[in-house]
C-alpha cells in the first residue's frame, strides 16, 4: 500500500485535506468520493528534502555596513 495526500471540498465548499493508505490513485479517488467529497488534488506525498546551508555564513549582525 502507498500513501496519497489529497485536497477536496464538500458540498458546502469547505476545503479538506488528508492522507489515505491505498493501493493506487484510482482507489484514492474512489474513497474520497465515497466520503462525500469532491477531490481537487490527489498525489503521492513529496519526499522530505533537507535544505542545504551555506558553509561559513556570516550572521547579519556581524557584517559591516557602509
N, C-alpha and C. Protein backbone atom coordinates (compact mmCIF):
# COMPACT_ATOMS: atom_id res chain seq x y z
N UNK A 1 0.83 -1.19 0.00
CA UNK A 1 0.00 0.00 0.00
C UNK A 1 0.87 1.24 0.00
N UNK A 2 0.32 2.31 -0.56
CA UNK A 2 1.01 3.59 -0.58
C UNK A 2 0.13 4.65 0.05
N UNK A 3 0.75 5.72 0.46
CA UNK A 3 0.01 6.85 1.00
C UNK A 3 -0.20 7.88 -0.11
N UNK A 4 -1.38 8.48 -0.13
CA UNK A 4 -1.69 9.55 -1.06
C UNK A 4 -2.24 10.73 -0.29
N UNK A 5 -1.71 11.91 -0.59
CA UNK A 5 -2.22 13.14 0.01
C UNK A 5 -3.35 13.64 -0.89
N UNK A 6 -4.37 14.21 -0.26
CA UNK A 6 -5.47 14.74 -1.06
C UNK A 6 -5.95 16.07 -0.52
N UNK A 7 -6.54 16.84 -1.42
CA UNK A 7 -7.29 18.04 -1.08
C UNK A 7 -8.64 17.87 -1.74
N UNK A 8 -9.69 18.23 -1.02
CA UNK A 8 -11.04 18.06 -1.55
C UNK A 8 -11.95 19.12 -0.95
N UNK A 9 -13.13 19.26 -1.52
CA UNK A 9 -14.14 20.16 -0.98
C UNK A 9 -15.42 19.36 -0.78
N UNK A 10 -16.22 19.80 0.20
CA UNK A 10 -17.51 19.15 0.40
C UNK A 10 -18.58 19.92 -0.36
N UNK A 11 -19.83 19.50 -0.24
CA UNK A 11 -20.93 20.12 -0.98
C UNK A 11 -21.10 21.60 -0.60
N UNK A 12 -20.71 21.96 0.60
CA UNK A 12 -20.81 23.34 1.04
C UNK A 12 -19.61 24.20 0.67
N UNK A 13 -18.60 23.61 0.06
CA UNK A 13 -17.41 24.34 -0.37
C UNK A 13 -16.29 24.38 0.66
N UNK A 14 -16.44 23.65 1.76
CA UNK A 14 -15.42 23.61 2.81
C UNK A 14 -14.24 22.75 2.35
N UNK A 15 -13.02 23.31 2.41
CA UNK A 15 -11.83 22.57 1.97
C UNK A 15 -11.39 21.59 3.05
N UNK A 16 -10.95 20.42 2.60
CA UNK A 16 -10.46 19.37 3.49
C UNK A 16 -9.19 18.81 2.88
N UNK A 17 -8.26 18.41 3.74
CA UNK A 17 -7.06 17.74 3.25
C UNK A 17 -6.71 16.61 4.19
N UNK A 18 -5.99 15.61 3.65
CA UNK A 18 -5.61 14.48 4.47
C UNK A 18 -4.78 13.50 3.67
N UNK A 19 -4.58 12.32 4.24
CA UNK A 19 -3.84 11.26 3.57
C UNK A 19 -4.63 9.96 3.65
N UNK A 20 -4.44 9.12 2.67
CA UNK A 20 -5.09 7.81 2.62
C UNK A 20 -4.05 6.75 2.33
N UNK A 21 -4.18 5.60 2.95
CA UNK A 21 -3.34 4.45 2.63
C UNK A 21 -4.12 3.55 1.69
N UNK A 22 -3.78 3.59 0.42
CA UNK A 22 -4.49 2.84 -0.62
C UNK A 22 -3.46 2.23 -1.57
N UNK A 23 -3.94 1.36 -2.46
CA UNK A 23 -3.02 0.69 -3.39
C UNK A 23 -2.64 1.57 -4.57
N UNK A 24 -3.56 2.41 -5.06
CA UNK A 24 -3.24 3.28 -6.20
C UNK A 24 -4.10 4.54 -6.17
N UNK A 25 -3.84 5.44 -7.13
CA UNK A 25 -4.51 6.73 -7.15
C UNK A 25 -6.01 6.59 -7.46
N UNK A 26 -6.38 5.63 -8.29
CA UNK A 26 -7.80 5.47 -8.61
C UNK A 26 -8.60 5.03 -7.38
N UNK A 27 -8.00 4.20 -6.52
CA UNK A 27 -8.68 3.82 -5.29
C UNK A 27 -8.78 5.01 -4.34
N UNK A 28 -7.75 5.87 -4.34
CA UNK A 28 -7.80 7.07 -3.51
C UNK A 28 -8.96 7.96 -3.95
N UNK A 29 -9.12 8.15 -5.25
CA UNK A 29 -10.23 8.96 -5.77
C UNK A 29 -11.58 8.36 -5.38
N UNK A 30 -11.70 7.04 -5.49
CA UNK A 30 -12.96 6.38 -5.14
C UNK A 30 -13.29 6.57 -3.66
N UNK A 31 -12.28 6.41 -2.80
CA UNK A 31 -12.52 6.55 -1.36
C UNK A 31 -12.90 7.98 -0.98
N UNK A 32 -12.28 8.96 -1.63
CA UNK A 32 -12.62 10.36 -1.37
C UNK A 32 -14.06 10.64 -1.77
N UNK A 33 -14.46 10.13 -2.92
CA UNK A 33 -15.85 10.31 -3.38
C UNK A 33 -16.82 9.58 -2.46
N UNK A 34 -16.43 8.42 -1.96
CA UNK A 34 -17.28 7.67 -1.02
C UNK A 34 -17.49 8.44 0.29
N UNK A 35 -16.55 9.32 0.64
CA UNK A 35 -16.69 10.14 1.83
C UNK A 35 -17.60 11.34 1.59
N UNK A 36 -18.11 11.48 0.36
CA UNK A 36 -18.99 12.60 0.03
C UNK A 36 -18.23 13.87 -0.32
N UNK A 37 -16.97 13.72 -0.69
CA UNK A 37 -16.14 14.87 -1.02
C UNK A 37 -15.86 14.92 -2.51
N UNK A 38 -15.47 16.10 -2.99
CA UNK A 38 -15.10 16.29 -4.38
C UNK A 38 -13.60 16.56 -4.43
N UNK A 39 -12.80 15.60 -4.93
CA UNK A 39 -11.34 15.76 -4.92
C UNK A 39 -10.88 16.87 -5.86
N UNK A 40 -9.95 17.70 -5.39
CA UNK A 40 -9.35 18.73 -6.22
C UNK A 40 -7.88 18.42 -6.51
N UNK A 41 -7.25 17.62 -5.63
CA UNK A 41 -5.85 17.25 -5.83
C UNK A 41 -5.58 15.93 -5.12
N UNK A 42 -4.98 14.99 -5.82
CA UNK A 42 -4.58 13.71 -5.24
C UNK A 42 -3.18 13.39 -5.78
N UNK A 43 -2.23 13.18 -4.87
CA UNK A 43 -0.86 12.91 -5.29
C UNK A 43 -0.13 12.13 -4.21
N UNK A 44 0.88 11.35 -4.61
CA UNK A 44 1.71 10.70 -3.59
C UNK A 44 2.46 11.77 -2.81
N UNK A 45 2.74 11.54 -1.55
CA UNK A 45 3.43 12.57 -0.76
C UNK A 45 4.82 12.85 -1.30
N UNK A 46 5.25 14.11 -1.17
CA UNK A 46 6.57 14.51 -1.64
C UNK A 46 7.61 13.99 -0.65
N UNK A 47 8.74 13.48 -1.15
CA UNK A 47 9.79 13.03 -0.23
C UNK A 47 10.39 14.22 0.51
N UNK A 48 10.82 13.99 1.73
CA UNK A 48 11.41 15.04 2.55
C UNK A 48 12.79 15.38 2.02
N UNK A 49 13.01 16.66 1.77
CA UNK A 49 14.33 17.11 1.31
C UNK A 49 14.89 18.10 2.30
N UNK A 50 16.13 17.89 2.67
CA UNK A 50 16.78 18.81 3.60
C UNK A 50 17.29 20.02 2.84
N UNK A 51 17.14 21.15 3.42
CA UNK A 51 17.64 22.38 2.83
C UNK A 51 19.13 22.49 3.13
N UNK A 52 19.89 22.78 2.10
CA UNK A 52 21.33 22.90 2.30
C UNK A 52 21.65 24.28 2.86
N UNK A 53 22.58 24.31 3.77
CA UNK A 53 23.00 25.56 4.38
C UNK A 53 24.35 25.97 3.80
N UNK A 54 24.57 27.26 3.76
CA UNK A 54 25.86 27.76 3.31
C UNK A 54 26.90 27.51 4.39
N UNK A 55 28.06 27.10 3.97
CA UNK A 55 29.15 26.90 4.93
C UNK A 55 29.78 28.24 5.26
N UNK A 56 30.07 28.45 6.50
CA UNK A 56 30.75 29.65 6.96
C UNK A 56 29.97 30.93 6.68
N UNK A 57 28.69 30.90 6.83
CA UNK A 57 27.87 32.10 6.63
C UNK A 57 28.10 33.06 7.79
N UNK A 58 28.24 34.32 7.47
CA UNK A 58 28.46 35.34 8.48
C UNK A 58 27.09 35.89 8.89
N UNK A 59 26.77 35.87 10.17
CA UNK A 59 25.50 36.41 10.60
C UNK A 59 25.36 37.89 10.25
N UNK A 60 24.14 38.34 10.00
CA UNK A 60 23.90 39.72 9.59
C UNK A 60 24.41 40.72 10.61
N UNK A 61 24.34 40.41 11.89
CA UNK A 61 24.75 41.38 12.90
C UNK A 61 26.26 41.62 12.90
N UNK A 62 27.04 40.72 12.30
CA UNK A 62 28.48 40.88 12.26
C UNK A 62 28.98 41.50 10.97
N UNK A 63 28.10 41.69 9.99
CA UNK A 63 28.51 42.27 8.72
C UNK A 63 28.71 43.77 8.88
N UNK A 64 29.68 44.28 8.17
CA UNK A 64 29.96 45.73 8.22
C UNK A 64 29.05 46.42 7.21
N UNK A 65 28.47 47.51 7.62
CA UNK A 65 27.61 48.30 6.73
C UNK A 65 28.36 49.58 6.34
N UNK A 66 28.27 50.00 5.07
CA UNK A 66 28.97 51.23 4.64
C UNK A 66 28.36 52.47 5.23
